[in-house]
Amino acid sequence: MTGRPLIGVSTYLEAGARWGVWELEAALLPAGYPRLVQRAGGLAAMLPPDAPEHAAATVARLDGLVIAGGPDVEPVRYGAEPDPRTGPPARARDAWELALVDAALAAGIPLLGICRGMQLLNVALGGTLVQHIDGHAEVPGVFGRHEVKPVPGTRYAETVPEETSVPTFHHQAVDRLGAGLLASAHAADGTVEAIELPAGRGWVLGVQWHPEMGEDLRVMRALVTAAVAAAS
């Protein structure tokens, strides 16, 4: 391909966003996501929730896909009753993003899940989630940091071979891994911090932290590189 690859990023859909004199429903994406895509060499396109039947046509126009962070995945999606500490459902976003994940996997489009996006990838492949853990979201609305250690021999370890400090904010985590997924990084407390499909099944990676809130471009740059290769 020539030029920069087109990377779609899923978005929030919020009922009462405010800017200037306006308070309206809005498709929102924290600016860190498109900036990270751009800094890594890609073109960023926002993908607000749409009808799931349009996911395959949407993905067909992309070179890579990012499922962004956001609200908790509704527990019914992985066969669980909601914990009192689980947030309210975002059903339209769950349905749209699950359809995007399925379409990307079917088409072999490089896929990166970030925080909720990693959890949704796990659910899409039949995995389950821990609905609440302590220590990974200390102050509401403030990102913390902790160390993440790669699992040797994984795609993530090839991308980031050393233990690193990452920006983090989440209260849920992967429990049972989805079909075919490997854990490729852990926090010190054993929390799964990255998951991936093995080589030969396309470029598919999920990270529990928020690379868009840091300066390390390697994960996003790896997605962009895979997108270029897949489109060539």
Protein backbone atom coordinates (compact mmCIF):
# COMPACT_ATOMS: atom_id res chain seq x y z
CA MET A 1 0.00 0.00 0.00
CA THR A 2 1.02 3.64 -0.34
CA GLY A 3 0.43 6.25 2.31
CA ARG A 4 -0.56 5.84 5.93
CA PRO A 5 -2.89 2.99 6.91
CA LEU A 6 -6.45 3.80 8.00
CA ILE A 7 -7.02 2.75 11.62
CA GLY A 8 -10.59 2.78 12.91
CA VAL A 9 -11.15 3.47 16.61
CA SER A 10 -14.46 2.71 18.34
CA THR A 11 -16.06 5.52 20.34
CA TYR A 12 -18.36 6.36 23.19
CA LEU A 13 -21.92 7.53 22.56
CA GLU A 14 -22.89 9.93 25.35
CA ALA A 15 -26.35 11.40 25.90
CA GLY A 16 -25.37 14.76 27.42
CA ALA A 17 -21.97 16.00 26.28
CA ARG A 18 -21.28 19.72 26.75
CA TRP A 19 -19.15 22.09 24.68
CA GLY A 20 -19.56 25.81 24.14
CA VAL A 21 -23.25 26.64 24.42
CA TRP A 22 -24.31 23.09 23.49
CA GLU A 23 -25.41 20.05 25.44
CA LEU A 24 -26.21 17.26 22.99
CA GLU A 25 -25.80 13.57 22.36
CA ALA A 26 -22.30 13.07 21.00
CA ALA A 27 -19.91 10.42 19.72
CA LEU A 28 -16.81 10.91 21.87
CA LEU A 29 -13.25 9.68 21.84
CA PRO A 30 -10.52 10.94 24.19
CA ALA A 31 -7.96 12.75 22.04
CA GLY A 32 -5.17 10.45 23.22
CA TYR A 33 -6.44 7.68 20.92
CA PRO A 34 -6.28 9.48 17.55
CA ARG A 35 -3.07 11.19 18.58
CA LEU A 36 -1.45 7.84 19.39
CA VAL A 37 -2.56 6.44 16.02
CA GLN A 38 -1.19 9.50 14.25
CA ARG A 39 2.11 9.49 16.14
CA ALA A 40 2.52 5.81 15.28
CA GLY A 41 2.13 6.53 11.57
CA GLY A 42 -1.56 5.85 10.94
CA LEU A 43 -4.66 7.80 9.94
CA ALA A 44 -7.35 7.72 12.64
CA ALA A 45 -11.07 7.27 11.90
CA MET A 46 -13.75 7.38 14.60
CA LEU A 47 -16.29 4.54 14.57
CA PRO A 48 -19.37 5.52 16.61
CA PRO A 49 -21.88 2.80 17.49
CA ASP A 50 -23.86 1.62 14.46
CA ALA A 51 -26.10 -1.32 13.60
CA PRO A 52 -24.09 -4.55 14.04
CA GLU A 53 -25.00 -5.70 10.53
CA HIS A 54 -22.84 -2.85 9.16
CA ALA A 55 -19.69 -4.01 10.95
CA ALA A 56 -18.30 -6.18 8.17
CA ALA A 57 -18.67 -3.42 5.56
CA THR A 58 -17.05 -0.95 7.96
CA VAL A 59 -14.09 -3.20 8.72
CA ALA A 60 -13.62 -3.90 5.00
CA ARG A 61 -12.66 -0.24 4.51
CA LEU A 62 -10.07 -0.26 7.30
CA ASP A 63 -6.45 -1.37 7.45
CA GLY A 64 -6.54 -1.84 11.23
CA LEU A 65 -9.00 -1.65 14.13
CA VAL A 66 -8.75 -0.39 17.72
CA ILE A 67 -11.47 -1.17 20.27
CA ALA A 68 -11.10 1.63 22.80
CA GLY A 69 -11.55 1.72 26.56
CA GLY A 70 -14.84 2.58 28.17
CA PRO A 71 -17.66 1.17 30.30
CA ASP A 72 -17.95 -2.34 31.70
CA VAL A 73 -19.05 -5.10 29.33
CA GLU A 74 -22.56 -6.24 30.28
CA PRO A 75 -22.14 -9.50 32.26
CA VAL A 76 -24.91 -11.26 30.31
CA ARG A 77 -22.46 -11.26 27.37
CA TYR A 78 -20.35 -13.82 29.24
CA GLY A 79 -23.11 -15.65 31.09
CA ALA A 80 -22.78 -13.93 34.49
CA GLU A 81 -25.07 -12.09 36.86
CA PRO A 82 -24.02 -8.45 37.44
CA ASP A 83 -21.93 -7.71 40.51
CA PRO A 84 -23.22 -4.66 42.45
CA ARG A 85 -19.95 -2.89 41.58
CA THR A 86 -20.34 -3.44 37.81
CA GLY A 87 -21.29 -0.29 35.95
CA PRO A 88 -24.50 0.25 33.96
CA PRO A 89 -24.68 -1.50 30.58
CA ALA A 90 -23.78 0.15 27.29
CA ARG A 91 -25.76 -2.28 25.14
CA ALA A 92 -25.52 -0.48 21.80
CA ARG A 93 -21.77 -0.15 22.17
CA ASP A 94 -21.37 -3.79 23.29
CA ALA A 95 -23.32 -5.04 20.27
CA TRP A 96 -21.46 -2.82 17.79
CA GLU A 97 -17.98 -3.52 19.12
CA LEU A 98 -18.56 -7.27 19.37
CA ALA A 99 -19.65 -7.19 15.74
CA LEU A 100 -16.53 -5.18 14.83
CA VAL A 101 -14.31 -7.71 16.61
CA ASP A 102 -16.01 -10.63 14.87
CA ALA A 103 -15.68 -8.90 11.49
CA ALA A 104 -12.00 -8.07 12.03
CA LEU A 105 -11.21 -11.64 13.07
CA ALA A 106 -13.07 -13.04 10.07
CA ALA A 107 -11.34 -10.66 7.63
CA GLY A 108 -7.86 -10.92 9.14
CA ILE A 109 -7.72 -7.18 9.88
CA PRO A 110 -5.10 -6.34 12.55
CA LEU A 111 -6.89 -5.69 15.84
CA LEU A 112 -5.84 -3.98 19.07
CA GLY A 113 -8.09 -3.95 22.14
CA ILE A 114 -7.37 -1.35 24.83
CA CYS A 115 -8.68 -1.87 28.40
CA ARG A 116 -12.41 -2.54 27.80
CA GLY A 117 -11.37 -3.46 24.27
CA MET A 118 -9.15 -6.25 25.58
CA GLN A 119 -11.95 -7.50 27.82
CA LEU A 120 -14.41 -7.42 24.93
CA LEU A 121 -11.99 -9.38 22.73
CA ASN A 122 -11.84 -12.04 25.44
CA VAL A 123 -15.64 -12.15 25.70
CA ALA A 124 -16.02 -12.29 21.91
CA LEU A 125 -13.97 -15.50 21.93
CA GLY A 126 -15.97 -17.09 24.74
CA GLY A 127 -13.95 -15.93 27.75
CA THR A 128 -15.18 -14.47 31.02
CA LEU A 129 -14.30 -11.50 33.22
CA VAL A 130 -13.64 -10.82 36.89
CA GLN A 131 -16.18 -8.10 37.64
CA HIS A 132 -14.17 -6.30 40.31
CA ILE A 133 -10.57 -6.18 41.44
CA ASP A 134 -8.87 -3.71 43.76
CA GLY A 135 -5.63 -1.85 43.20
CA HIS A 136 -5.85 -0.97 39.51
CA ALA A 137 -8.02 2.17 39.72
CA GLU A 138 -7.07 3.98 42.91
CA VAL A 139 -8.58 7.47 42.37
CA PRO A 140 -11.72 8.00 40.26
CA GLY A 141 -10.84 9.84 37.06
CA VAL A 142 -7.08 9.63 37.64
CA PHE A 143 -4.79 7.19 35.82
CA GLY A 144 -2.33 5.30 37.99
CA ARG A 145 0.75 3.34 36.99
CA HIS A 146 2.07 -0.14 37.66
CA GLU A 147 4.58 -2.57 36.21
CA VAL A 148 3.68 -5.05 33.48
CA LYS A 149 5.87 -8.07 32.74
CA PRO A 150 5.77 -9.70 29.28
CA VAL A 151 5.51 -13.46 28.77
CA PRO A 152 8.57 -14.62 26.80
CA GLY A 153 7.93 -15.90 23.30
CA THR A 154 4.71 -13.91 22.75
CA ARG A 155 3.99 -11.21 20.18
CA TYR A 156 3.76 -8.66 22.98
CA ALA A 157 7.18 -9.68 24.31
CA GLU A 158 8.63 -9.23 20.82
CA THR A 159 7.14 -5.73 20.75
CA VAL A 160 8.03 -4.73 24.34
CA PRO A 161 10.62 -7.20 25.65
CA GLU A 162 11.25 -5.56 29.03
CA GLU A 163 9.10 -5.01 32.11
CA THR A 164 7.52 -1.56 31.83
CA SER A 165 5.48 0.91 33.86
CA VAL A 166 2.11 1.55 32.17
CA PRO A 167 -0.82 3.97 32.67
CA THR A 168 -3.75 2.08 34.13
CA PHE A 169 -7.36 2.59 35.19
CA HIS A 170 -9.67 -0.43 35.40
CA HIS A 171 -11.61 -2.42 37.99
CA GLN A 172 -12.35 -5.51 35.90
CA ALA A 173 -10.01 -8.07 34.38
CA VAL A 174 -9.80 -11.23 32.29
CA ASP A 175 -10.84 -14.40 34.13
CA ARG A 176 -11.14 -17.44 31.83
CA LEU A 177 -9.35 -16.89 28.54
CA GLY A 178 -11.36 -17.04 25.33
CA ALA A 179 -10.78 -19.76 22.74
CA GLY A 180 -7.27 -19.66 21.33
CA LEU A 181 -6.12 -16.66 23.34
CA LEU A 182 -2.80 -16.58 25.20
CA ALA A 183 -1.89 -14.42 28.17
CA SER A 184 1.13 -12.37 27.08
CA ALA A 185 1.73 -10.04 30.06
CA HIS A 186 0.91 -9.90 33.77
CA ALA A 187 0.90 -7.40 36.60
CA ALA A 188 2.75 -8.19 39.82
CA ASP A 189 -0.50 -9.41 41.43
CA GLY A 190 -1.03 -11.91 38.60
CA THR A 191 -3.69 -9.92 36.74
CA VAL A 192 -3.63 -10.70 33.01
CA GLU A 193 -2.45 -7.49 31.37
CA ALA A 194 -2.20 -8.56 27.71
CA ILE A 195 -3.77 -11.26 25.58
CA GLU A 196 -3.18 -12.29 21.97
CA LEU A 197 -3.88 -14.88 19.35
CA PRO A 198 -0.86 -17.00 18.40
CA ALA A 199 1.16 -16.37 15.26
CA GLY A 200 -0.61 -17.70 12.20
CA ARG A 201 -4.03 -16.42 13.28
CA GLY A 202 -3.53 -12.79 12.31
CA TRP A 203 -2.29 -9.83 14.32
CA VAL A 204 -4.59 -9.69 17.36
CA LEU A 205 -3.52 -8.15 20.67
CA GLY A 206 -5.29 -6.77 23.72
CA VAL A 207 -3.71 -4.69 26.49
CA GLN A 208 -5.37 -3.92 29.81
CA TRP A 209 -3.67 -0.54 30.23
CA HIS A 210 -4.02 2.75 28.34
CA PRO A 211 -1.11 3.35 25.92
CA GLU A 212 -2.88 6.49 24.69
CA MET A 213 -2.10 8.08 28.07
CA GLY A 214 1.65 7.46 27.84
CA GLU A 215 4.61 8.10 25.58
CA ASP A 216 5.44 4.53 24.52
CA LEU A 217 4.41 4.13 20.87
CA ARG A 218 5.53 0.53 20.44
CA VAL A 219 2.18 -1.25 20.79
CA MET A 220 0.36 1.12 18.45
CA ARG A 221 3.30 1.20 16.06
CA ALA A 222 3.17 -2.61 15.90
CA LEU A 223 -0.52 -2.43 14.94
CA VAL A 224 0.22 0.17 12.26
CA THR A 225 3.09 -1.95 10.89
CA ALA A 226 0.82 -5.02 10.80
CA ALA A 227 -1.88 -2.99 9.03
CA VAL A 228 0.57 -1.92 6.33
CA ALA A 229 1.73 -5.52 5.87
CA ALA A 230 -1.82 -6.89 5.71
CA ALA A 231 -2.86 -4.32 3.11
CA SER A 232 0.18 -4.88 0.87
